[in-house]
Amino acid sequence: MTFAERQVLRKQATIELNLGNSGEYEKLMHKAREARPDYKVPSQAVWGSDNAKVIERRKMVKKLLEAGYDNKEIIAKCGTTDTTIRKDIQVLKEIGTIKDKQETS
């Protein structure tokens, strides 16, 4: 999509917002942003959070899971509670950042 096409989408989005259609505005702006060649996927989509500490912890959890560590070893390495690690693993599986063991076998 060219720059001019993205500009048209942005103008249409602004018109929709002025008409009070915030849902349509969001959809059009999202479409215009993703059409950019240098657009980076937000951290929220990959790691389930925008918080830097949470992202770092989830990166470590992913790395340790891929290395074959079990939950108790991951808890000891990360220095957090078992509930936090379980929640991180659950979120990473839901997002698709890590695969469930049953899916890979």
C-alpha atoms as a PDB file:
ATOM      1  CA  MET A   1       0.000   0.000   0.000  1.00  0.00           C
ATOM      2  CA  THR A   2       1.396   3.367  -0.974  1.00  0.00           C
ATOM      3  CA  PHE A   3       1.719   6.414   1.205  1.00  0.00           C
ATOM      4  CA  ALA A   4      -1.149   8.121  -0.661  1.00  0.00           C
ATOM      5  CA  GLU A   5      -3.443   5.132  -0.052  1.00  0.00           C
ATOM      6  CA  ARG A   6      -2.600   5.173   3.664  1.00  0.00           C
ATOM      7  CA  GLN A   7      -3.327   8.926   3.762  1.00  0.00           C
ATOM      8  CA  VAL A   8      -6.768   8.295   2.226  1.00  0.00           C
ATOM      9  CA  LEU A   9      -7.452   5.691   4.921  1.00  0.00           C
ATOM     10  CA  ARG A  10      -6.408   8.149   7.636  1.00  0.00           C
ATOM     11  CA  LYS A  11      -8.687  10.857   6.213  1.00  0.00           C
ATOM     12  CA  GLN A  12     -11.589   8.429   6.076  1.00  0.00           C
ATOM     13  CA  ALA A  13     -10.824   7.368   9.657  1.00  0.00           C
ATOM     14  CA  THR A  14     -10.919  11.009  10.792  1.00  0.00           C
ATOM     15  CA  ILE A  15     -14.292  11.482   9.092  1.00  0.00           C
ATOM     16  CA  GLU A  16     -15.630   8.373  10.840  1.00  0.00           C
ATOM     17  CA  LEU A  17     -14.382   9.661  14.197  1.00  0.00           C
ATOM     18  CA  ASN A  18     -16.094  13.023  13.621  1.00  0.00           C
ATOM     19  CA  LEU A  19     -19.315  11.138  12.872  1.00  0.00           C
ATOM     20  CA  GLY A  20     -18.956   9.304  16.186  1.00  0.00           C
ATOM     21  CA  ASN A  21     -18.014   5.902  14.759  1.00  0.00           C
ATOM     22  CA  SER A  22     -15.025   5.165  16.969  1.00  0.00           C
ATOM     23  CA  GLY A  23     -15.016   1.457  16.093  1.00  0.00           C
ATOM     24  CA  GLU A  24     -14.736   2.174  12.376  1.00  0.00           C
ATOM     25  CA  TYR A  25     -12.047   4.792  13.125  1.00  0.00           C
ATOM     26  CA  GLU A  26      -9.962   2.233  15.038  1.00  0.00           C
ATOM     27  CA  LYS A  27     -10.355  -0.337  12.266  1.00  0.00           C
ATOM     28  CA  LEU A  28      -9.264   2.074   9.516  1.00  0.00           C
ATOM     29  CA  MET A  29      -6.310   3.442  11.488  1.00  0.00           C
ATOM     30  CA  HIS A  30      -5.176  -0.096  12.317  1.00  0.00           C
ATOM     31  CA  LYS A  31      -5.352  -0.996   8.640  1.00  0.00           C
ATOM     32  CA  ALA A  32      -3.314   2.100   7.698  1.00  0.00           C
ATOM     33  CA  ARG A  33      -0.663   1.398  10.366  1.00  0.00           C
ATOM     34  CA  GLU A  34      -0.201  -2.250   9.430  1.00  0.00           C
ATOM     35  CA  ALA A  35       0.236  -1.387   5.762  1.00  0.00           C
ATOM     36  CA  ARG A  36       3.452   0.476   6.581  1.00  0.00           C
ATOM     37  CA  PRO A  37       6.483  -1.580   5.540  1.00  0.00           C
ATOM     38  CA  ASP A  38       8.459  -0.633   8.667  1.00  0.00           C
ATOM     39  CA  TYR A  39       5.567  -1.237  11.108  1.00  0.00           C
ATOM     40  CA  LYS A  40       6.615  -3.182  14.197  1.00  0.00           C
ATOM     41  CA  VAL A  41       4.159  -5.471  15.954  1.00  0.00           C
ATOM     42  CA  PRO A  42       3.405  -4.064  19.415  1.00  0.00           C
ATOM     43  CA  SER A  43       4.837  -5.904  22.412  1.00  0.00           C
ATOM     44  CA  GLN A  44       1.291  -6.522  23.608  1.00  0.00           C
ATOM     45  CA  ALA A  45       0.641  -8.814  20.635  1.00  0.00           C
ATOM     46  CA  VAL A  46       3.783 -10.910  21.170  1.00  0.00           C
ATOM     47  CA  TRP A  47       4.266 -10.938  24.943  1.00  0.00           C
ATOM     48  CA  GLY A  48       0.793 -10.050  26.284  1.00  0.00           C
ATOM     49  CA  SER A  49       1.963  -6.896  28.050  1.00  0.00           C
ATOM     50  CA  ASP A  50       3.543  -3.507  27.448  1.00  0.00           C
ATOM     51  CA  ASN A  51       5.301  -3.543  30.830  1.00  0.00           C
ATOM     52  CA  ALA A  52       9.076  -3.944  30.339  1.00  0.00           C
ATOM     53  CA  LYS A  53       9.561  -6.071  33.491  1.00  0.00           C
ATOM     54  CA  VAL A  54       6.774  -8.458  32.480  1.00  0.00           C
ATOM     55  CA  ILE A  55       8.151  -8.756  28.942  1.00  0.00           C
ATOM     56  CA  GLU A  56      11.654  -9.563  30.216  1.00  0.00           C
ATOM     57  CA  ARG A  57      10.280 -12.182  32.629  1.00  0.00           C
ATOM     58  CA  ARG A  58       8.147 -13.783  29.896  1.00  0.00           C
ATOM     59  CA  LYS A  59      11.136 -13.859  27.530  1.00  0.00           C
ATOM     60  CA  MET A  60      13.096 -15.677  30.228  1.00  0.00           C
ATOM     61  CA  VAL A  61      10.192 -18.086  30.866  1.00  0.00           C
ATOM     62  CA  LYS A  62       9.976 -18.857  27.144  1.00  0.00           C
ATOM     63  CA  LYS A  63      13.727 -19.432  26.882  1.00  0.00           C
ATOM     64  CA  LEU A  64      13.768 -21.711  29.930  1.00  0.00           C
ATOM     65  CA  LEU A  65      10.746 -23.703  28.729  1.00  0.00           C
ATOM     66  CA  GLU A  66      12.402 -24.246  25.356  1.00  0.00           C
ATOM     67  CA  ALA A  67      15.561 -25.390  27.176  1.00  0.00           C
ATOM     68  CA  GLY A  68      13.530 -28.075  28.968  1.00  0.00           C
ATOM     69  CA  TYR A  69      13.251 -26.606  32.467  1.00  0.00           C
ATOM     70  CA  ASP A  70      10.211 -27.525  34.547  1.00  0.00           C
ATOM     71  CA  ASN A  71       8.025 -25.020  36.418  1.00  0.00           C
ATOM     72  CA  LYS A  72       9.863 -25.353  39.761  1.00  0.00           C
ATOM     73  CA  GLU A  73      13.226 -24.631  38.142  1.00  0.00           C
ATOM     74  CA  ILE A  74      11.761 -21.676  36.237  1.00  0.00           C
ATOM     75  CA  ILE A  75      10.299 -20.265  39.477  1.00  0.00           C
ATOM     76  CA  ALA A  76      13.726 -20.522  41.139  1.00  0.00           C
ATOM     77  CA  LYS A  77      15.512 -18.868  38.182  1.00  0.00           C
ATOM     78  CA  CYS A  78      12.992 -16.014  37.811  1.00  0.00           C
ATOM     79  CA  GLY A  79      12.572 -15.388  41.527  1.00  0.00           C
ATOM     80  CA  THR A  80       8.782 -15.011  41.394  1.00  0.00           C
ATOM     81  CA  THR A  81       5.815 -16.966  42.676  1.00  0.00           C
ATOM     82  CA  ASP A  82       4.457 -20.109  41.070  1.00  0.00           C
ATOM     83  CA  THR A  83       1.187 -18.319  40.305  1.00  0.00           C
ATOM     84  CA  THR A  84       3.025 -15.647  38.315  1.00  0.00           C
ATOM     85  CA  ILE A  85       4.959 -18.214  36.268  1.00  0.00           C
ATOM     86  CA  ARG A  86       1.827 -20.273  35.602  1.00  0.00           C
ATOM     87  CA  LYS A  87       0.010 -17.141  34.458  1.00  0.00           C
ATOM     88  CA  ASP A  88       2.951 -16.196  32.198  1.00  0.00           C
ATOM     89  CA  ILE A  89       2.960 -19.667  30.626  1.00  0.00           C
ATOM     90  CA  GLN A  90      -0.817 -19.557  30.170  1.00  0.00           C
ATOM     91  CA  VAL A  91      -0.677 -16.115  28.494  1.00  0.00           C
ATOM     92  CA  LEU A  92       2.207 -17.139  26.216  1.00  0.00           C
ATOM     93  CA  LYS A  93       0.304 -20.252  25.124  1.00  0.00           C
ATOM     94  CA  GLU A  94      -2.906 -18.297  24.476  1.00  0.00           C
ATOM     95  CA  ILE A  95      -1.070 -15.717  22.375  1.00  0.00           C
ATOM     96  CA  GLY A  96       0.826 -18.421  20.512  1.00  0.00           C
ATOM     97  CA  THR A  97       4.306 -17.272  21.498  1.00  0.00           C
ATOM     98  CA  ILE A  98       4.988 -20.781  22.816  1.00  0.00           C
ATOM     99  CA  LYS A  99       3.479 -24.049  21.683  1.00  0.00           C
ATOM    100  CA  ASP A 100       1.756 -26.473  23.991  1.00  0.00           C
ATOM    101  CA  LYS A 101       3.650 -29.765  24.450  1.00  0.00           C
ATOM    102  CA  GLN A 102       0.592 -31.695  23.227  1.00  0.00           C
ATOM    103  CA  GLU A 103       0.520 -29.683  19.967  1.00  0.00           C
ATOM    104  CA  THR A 104       4.165 -30.443  19.144  1.00  0.00           C
ATOM    105  CA  SER A 105       4.023 -34.207  19.732  1.00  0.00           C
END
